[in-house]
């Protein structure tokens, strides 16, 4: 029988998750809502990760055990959430060509 959090995430797995999530968020144009959501929920991220385990009987059939396990471990750490926020902001800035909101306003 598999157990949740049996094997901790490696640094490589964590970085892979950060990059994958951030790339998908920016690609879909959801940077602003994602940043706002993550900032608002950063204090309760560990609680949400435990809730994912509590609701796993309902979620695992749709997402798979490994995915629920990895994401619940990932969001258990506020540091991971902060790293994800930073990466989304970096990718969004790259997408805009390094231009900030202030730079855009000045060029008009």
N, C-alpha and C. Protein backbone atom coordinates (compact mmCIF):
# COMPACT_ATOMS: atom_id res chain seq x y z
N UNK A 1 0.83 -1.18 0.00
CA UNK A 1 0.00 0.00 0.00
C UNK A 1 0.88 1.25 0.00
N UNK A 2 0.55 2.19 -0.85
CA UNK A 2 1.30 3.44 -0.90
C UNK A 2 0.86 4.36 0.23
N UNK A 3 1.80 5.11 0.73
CA UNK A 3 1.50 6.08 1.78
C UNK A 3 1.81 7.47 1.28
N UNK A 4 1.01 8.44 1.72
CA UNK A 4 1.30 9.82 1.38
C UNK A 4 2.57 10.25 2.08
N UNK A 5 3.36 11.05 1.39
CA UNK A 5 4.58 11.65 1.90
C UNK A 5 5.59 10.59 2.33
N UNK A 6 5.52 9.42 1.72
CA UNK A 6 6.45 8.34 2.04
C UNK A 6 7.87 8.74 1.66
N UNK A 7 8.03 9.28 0.45
CA UNK A 7 9.33 9.77 -0.02
C UNK A 7 9.23 11.28 -0.19
N UNK A 8 10.08 12.05 0.50
CA UNK A 8 10.01 13.52 0.35
C UNK A 8 10.44 13.94 -1.05
N UNK A 9 9.95 15.11 -1.46
CA UNK A 9 10.33 15.65 -2.76
C UNK A 9 11.80 16.03 -2.76
N UNK A 10 12.47 15.71 -3.83
CA UNK A 10 13.86 16.14 -3.97
C UNK A 10 13.87 17.59 -4.45
N UNK A 11 15.02 18.23 -4.35
CA UNK A 11 15.15 19.60 -4.84
C UNK A 11 14.87 19.66 -6.35
N UNK A 12 15.30 18.63 -7.04
CA UNK A 12 15.07 18.58 -8.48
C UNK A 12 13.58 18.48 -8.80
N UNK A 13 12.85 17.65 -8.07
CA UNK A 13 11.41 17.52 -8.28
C UNK A 13 10.69 18.83 -7.95
N UNK A 14 11.13 19.48 -6.88
CA UNK A 14 10.52 20.75 -6.50
C UNK A 14 10.73 21.79 -7.59
N UNK A 15 11.95 21.92 -8.10
CA UNK A 15 12.23 22.89 -9.16
C UNK A 15 11.46 22.55 -10.43
N UNK A 16 11.33 21.27 -10.71
CA UNK A 16 10.58 20.84 -11.89
C UNK A 16 9.11 21.25 -11.75
N UNK A 17 8.56 21.09 -10.57
CA UNK A 17 7.17 21.48 -10.34
C UNK A 17 7.00 22.99 -10.44
N UNK A 18 7.92 23.74 -9.83
CA UNK A 18 7.86 25.20 -9.90
C UNK A 18 7.87 25.64 -11.36
N UNK A 19 8.80 25.11 -12.12
CA UNK A 19 8.93 25.51 -13.52
C UNK A 19 7.69 25.13 -14.32
N UNK A 20 7.20 23.92 -14.13
CA UNK A 20 6.03 23.46 -14.87
C UNK A 20 4.78 24.27 -14.57
N UNK A 21 4.53 24.51 -13.29
CA UNK A 21 3.35 25.30 -12.91
C UNK A 21 3.48 26.72 -13.43
N UNK A 22 4.64 27.33 -13.23
CA UNK A 22 4.84 28.73 -13.65
C UNK A 22 4.71 28.85 -15.17
N UNK A 23 5.29 27.94 -15.91
CA UNK A 23 5.19 27.99 -17.38
C UNK A 23 3.73 27.91 -17.83
N UNK A 24 2.96 27.01 -17.22
CA UNK A 24 1.55 26.86 -17.60
C UNK A 24 0.74 28.10 -17.25
N UNK A 25 1.01 28.69 -16.10
CA UNK A 25 0.28 29.88 -15.68
C UNK A 25 0.54 31.03 -16.65
N UNK A 26 1.79 31.28 -16.97
CA UNK A 26 2.16 32.39 -17.85
C UNK A 26 1.66 32.13 -19.27
N UNK A 27 1.79 30.89 -19.74
CA UNK A 27 1.35 30.55 -21.09
C UNK A 27 -0.15 30.81 -21.27
N UNK A 28 -0.92 30.59 -20.23
CA UNK A 28 -2.36 30.79 -20.31
C UNK A 28 -2.79 32.23 -20.00
N UNK A 29 -1.82 33.09 -19.67
CA UNK A 29 -2.15 34.48 -19.37
C UNK A 29 -2.82 34.68 -18.03
N UNK A 30 -2.53 33.79 -17.08
CA UNK A 30 -3.17 33.84 -15.77
C UNK A 30 -2.22 34.31 -14.67
N UNK A 31 -1.20 35.05 -15.03
CA UNK A 31 -0.21 35.47 -14.04
C UNK A 31 -0.81 36.29 -12.92
N UNK A 32 -1.56 37.33 -13.27
CA UNK A 32 -2.12 38.21 -12.24
C UNK A 32 -3.07 37.47 -11.30
N UNK A 33 -4.05 36.70 -11.80
CA UNK A 33 -4.92 35.97 -10.88
C UNK A 33 -4.16 34.93 -10.05
N UNK A 34 -3.17 34.26 -10.66
CA UNK A 34 -2.41 33.25 -9.93
C UNK A 34 -1.60 33.88 -8.81
N UNK A 35 -0.96 35.01 -9.11
CA UNK A 35 -0.16 35.70 -8.09
C UNK A 35 -1.06 36.15 -6.94
N UNK A 36 -2.20 36.72 -7.29
CA UNK A 36 -3.13 37.19 -6.25
C UNK A 36 -3.62 36.00 -5.41
N UNK A 37 -4.00 34.92 -6.05
CA UNK A 37 -4.48 33.74 -5.34
C UNK A 37 -3.41 33.16 -4.42
N UNK A 38 -2.20 33.01 -4.93
CA UNK A 38 -1.11 32.43 -4.13
C UNK A 38 -0.72 33.34 -2.97
N UNK A 39 -0.68 34.65 -3.21
CA UNK A 39 -0.35 35.59 -2.12
C UNK A 39 -1.40 35.54 -1.01
N UNK A 40 -2.66 35.50 -1.42
CA UNK A 40 -3.74 35.47 -0.41
C UNK A 40 -3.75 34.17 0.37
N UNK A 41 -3.39 33.08 -0.28
CA UNK A 41 -3.51 31.77 0.36
C UNK A 41 -2.19 31.20 0.86
N UNK A 42 -1.12 31.97 0.75
CA UNK A 42 0.19 31.49 1.22
C UNK A 42 0.16 31.06 2.68
N UNK A 43 -0.50 31.81 3.58
CA UNK A 43 -0.51 31.38 4.99
C UNK A 43 -1.25 30.06 5.23
N UNK A 44 -2.20 29.73 4.39
CA UNK A 44 -2.97 28.50 4.61
C UNK A 44 -2.57 27.37 3.66
N UNK A 45 -1.50 27.57 2.89
CA UNK A 45 -1.05 26.54 1.94
C UNK A 45 -0.78 25.20 2.63
N UNK A 46 -0.11 25.19 3.80
CA UNK A 46 0.08 23.89 4.47
C UNK A 46 -1.24 23.22 4.85
N UNK A 47 -2.20 24.01 5.27
CA UNK A 47 -3.51 23.45 5.61
C UNK A 47 -4.19 22.87 4.37
N UNK A 48 -4.07 23.58 3.25
CA UNK A 48 -4.65 23.09 2.00
C UNK A 48 -3.99 21.79 1.55
N UNK A 49 -2.69 21.68 1.79
CA UNK A 49 -2.01 20.44 1.39
C UNK A 49 -2.51 19.25 2.22
N UNK A 50 -2.79 19.50 3.47
CA UNK A 50 -3.34 18.43 4.31
C UNK A 50 -4.79 18.13 3.93
N UNK A 51 -5.52 19.15 3.51
CA UNK A 51 -6.89 18.94 3.04
C UNK A 51 -6.90 18.07 1.79
N UNK A 52 -5.89 18.24 0.94
CA UNK A 52 -5.81 17.41 -0.27
C UNK A 52 -5.70 15.94 0.10
N UNK A 53 -4.97 15.66 1.17
CA UNK A 53 -4.85 14.28 1.63
C UNK A 53 -6.19 13.80 2.20
N UNK A 54 -6.84 14.67 2.97
CA UNK A 54 -8.13 14.30 3.56
C UNK A 54 -9.17 14.00 2.49
N UNK A 55 -9.14 14.75 1.41
CA UNK A 55 -10.11 14.54 0.33
C UNK A 55 -9.59 13.63 -0.77
N UNK A 56 -8.46 12.99 -0.53
CA UNK A 56 -7.84 12.15 -1.55
C UNK A 56 -8.75 11.02 -2.05
N UNK A 57 -9.62 10.44 -1.22
CA UNK A 57 -10.49 9.40 -1.79
C UNK A 57 -11.36 9.91 -2.93
N UNK A 58 -11.65 11.20 -2.94
CA UNK A 58 -12.47 11.77 -3.99
C UNK A 58 -11.64 12.32 -5.14
N UNK A 59 -10.40 12.69 -4.87
CA UNK A 59 -9.54 13.35 -5.86
C UNK A 59 -8.65 12.36 -6.60
N UNK A 60 -8.13 11.36 -5.91
CA UNK A 60 -7.18 10.42 -6.51
C UNK A 60 -7.73 9.72 -7.75
N UNK A 61 -8.99 9.31 -7.78
CA UNK A 61 -9.47 8.66 -9.02
C UNK A 61 -9.37 9.56 -10.26
N UNK A 62 -9.42 10.87 -10.08
CA UNK A 62 -9.36 11.78 -11.22
C UNK A 62 -7.94 12.23 -11.55
N UNK A 63 -7.12 12.45 -10.53
CA UNK A 63 -5.78 13.00 -10.72
C UNK A 63 -4.66 11.98 -10.57
N UNK A 64 -4.92 10.90 -9.89
CA UNK A 64 -3.90 9.89 -9.64
C UNK A 64 -3.19 10.11 -8.32
N UNK A 65 -2.77 9.02 -7.69
CA UNK A 65 -2.15 9.10 -6.36
C UNK A 65 -0.87 9.92 -6.38
N UNK A 66 0.01 9.64 -7.36
CA UNK A 66 1.31 10.32 -7.40
C UNK A 66 1.16 11.83 -7.52
N UNK A 67 0.25 12.28 -8.35
CA UNK A 67 0.05 13.73 -8.53
C UNK A 67 -0.46 14.37 -7.24
N UNK A 68 -1.44 13.76 -6.60
CA UNK A 68 -1.97 14.31 -5.34
C UNK A 68 -0.88 14.32 -4.28
N UNK A 69 -0.09 13.27 -4.21
CA UNK A 69 1.00 13.18 -3.23
C UNK A 69 2.04 14.28 -3.47
N UNK A 70 2.47 14.44 -4.72
CA UNK A 70 3.49 15.45 -5.03
C UNK A 70 3.00 16.86 -4.75
N UNK A 71 1.79 17.19 -5.19
CA UNK A 71 1.27 18.54 -4.99
C UNK A 71 1.00 18.83 -3.52
N UNK A 72 0.54 17.83 -2.77
CA UNK A 72 0.30 18.07 -1.34
C UNK A 72 1.63 18.31 -0.62
N UNK A 73 2.67 17.60 -1.02
CA UNK A 73 4.00 17.85 -0.43
C UNK A 73 4.52 19.22 -0.83
N UNK A 74 4.33 19.57 -2.09
CA UNK A 74 4.84 20.84 -2.60
C UNK A 74 4.21 22.02 -1.86
N UNK A 75 2.90 22.01 -1.73
CA UNK A 75 2.21 23.14 -1.11
C UNK A 75 2.26 23.12 0.41
N UNK A 76 2.86 22.11 0.99
CA UNK A 76 3.03 22.08 2.44
C UNK A 76 4.07 23.09 2.90
N UNK A 77 4.94 23.53 2.01
CA UNK A 77 6.01 24.46 2.36
C UNK A 77 5.71 25.86 1.80
N UNK A 78 5.69 26.84 2.68
CA UNK A 78 5.49 28.22 2.24
C UNK A 78 6.64 28.68 1.34
N UNK A 79 7.82 28.13 1.57
CA UNK A 79 8.97 28.46 0.74
C UNK A 79 8.76 28.07 -0.71
N UNK A 80 8.11 26.94 -0.93
CA UNK A 80 7.81 26.51 -2.29
C UNK A 80 6.82 27.46 -2.96
N UNK A 81 5.85 27.90 -2.19
CA UNK A 81 4.86 28.83 -2.73
C UNK A 81 5.55 30.15 -3.10
N UNK A 82 6.44 30.61 -2.24
CA UNK A 82 7.17 31.84 -2.52
C UNK A 82 8.04 31.69 -3.77
N UNK A 83 8.70 30.56 -3.92
CA UNK A 83 9.53 30.31 -5.11
C UNK A 83 8.67 30.29 -6.36
N UNK A 84 7.48 29.69 -6.26
CA UNK A 84 6.55 29.66 -7.40
C UNK A 84 6.13 31.08 -7.78
N UNK A 85 5.81 31.89 -6.80
CA UNK A 85 5.44 33.28 -7.06
C UNK A 85 6.56 34.03 -7.77
N UNK A 86 7.77 33.86 -7.29
CA UNK A 86 8.92 34.54 -7.91
C UNK A 86 9.11 34.09 -9.35
N UNK A 87 8.97 32.80 -9.59
CA UNK A 87 9.18 32.29 -10.95
C UNK A 87 8.10 32.78 -11.90
N UNK A 88 6.86 32.84 -11.44
CA UNK A 88 5.78 33.37 -12.28
C UNK A 88 6.08 34.82 -12.64
N UNK A 89 6.52 35.60 -11.66
CA UNK A 89 6.84 37.01 -11.91
C UNK A 89 8.01 37.13 -12.89
N UNK A 90 9.03 36.28 -12.75
CA UNK A 90 10.17 36.31 -13.68
C UNK A 90 9.74 35.99 -15.10
N UNK A 91 8.94 34.94 -15.25
CA UNK A 91 8.50 34.55 -16.59
C UNK A 91 7.58 35.60 -17.21
N UNK A 92 6.75 36.21 -16.41
CA UNK A 92 5.86 37.25 -16.91
C UNK A 92 6.67 38.46 -17.37
N UNK A 93 7.70 38.80 -16.63
CA UNK A 93 8.55 39.91 -17.03
C UNK A 93 9.29 39.59 -18.33
N UNK A 94 9.76 38.36 -18.46
CA UNK A 94 10.41 37.94 -19.71
C UNK A 94 9.43 38.00 -20.88
N UNK A 95 8.21 37.58 -20.63
CA UNK A 95 7.19 37.58 -21.68
C UNK A 95 6.92 39.00 -22.16
N UNK A 96 6.94 39.93 -21.25
CA UNK A 96 6.71 41.33 -21.60
C UNK A 96 7.96 41.98 -22.19
N UNK A 97 9.02 41.24 -22.29
CA UNK A 97 10.26 41.77 -22.85
C UNK A 97 11.03 42.62 -21.86
N UNK A 98 10.87 42.33 -20.58
CA UNK A 98 11.60 43.07 -19.56
C UNK A 98 10.98 44.42 -19.24
N UNK A 99 9.85 44.73 -19.87
CA UNK A 99 9.21 46.01 -19.61
C UNK A 99 8.27 45.89 -18.43
N UNK A 100 8.31 46.86 -17.56
CA UNK A 100 7.42 46.88 -16.40
C UNK A 100 6.22 47.74 -16.73
N UNK A 101 5.26 47.75 -15.84
CA UNK A 101 4.05 48.56 -16.01
C UNK A 101 4.40 50.03 -16.13
N UNK A 102 5.38 50.50 -15.34
CA UNK A 102 5.79 51.90 -15.38
C UNK A 102 6.42 52.22 -16.73
N UNK A 103 7.26 51.30 -17.26
CA UNK A 103 7.89 51.51 -18.56
C UNK A 103 6.83 51.59 -19.67
N UNK A 104 5.81 50.76 -19.59
CA UNK A 104 4.75 50.75 -20.58
C UNK A 104 4.01 52.08 -20.57
N UNK A 105 3.71 52.61 -19.39
CA UNK A 105 3.00 53.87 -19.27
C UNK A 105 3.82 55.02 -19.83
N UNK A 106 5.13 54.98 -19.66
CA UNK A 106 6.01 56.06 -20.14
C UNK A 106 6.11 56.07 -21.65
N UNK A 107 6.00 54.91 -22.28
CA UNK A 107 6.19 54.83 -23.73
C UNK A 107 4.99 55.31 -24.52
N UNK A 108 3.89 55.58 -23.86
CA UNK A 108 2.67 56.03 -24.56
C UNK A 108 2.71 57.47 -24.87
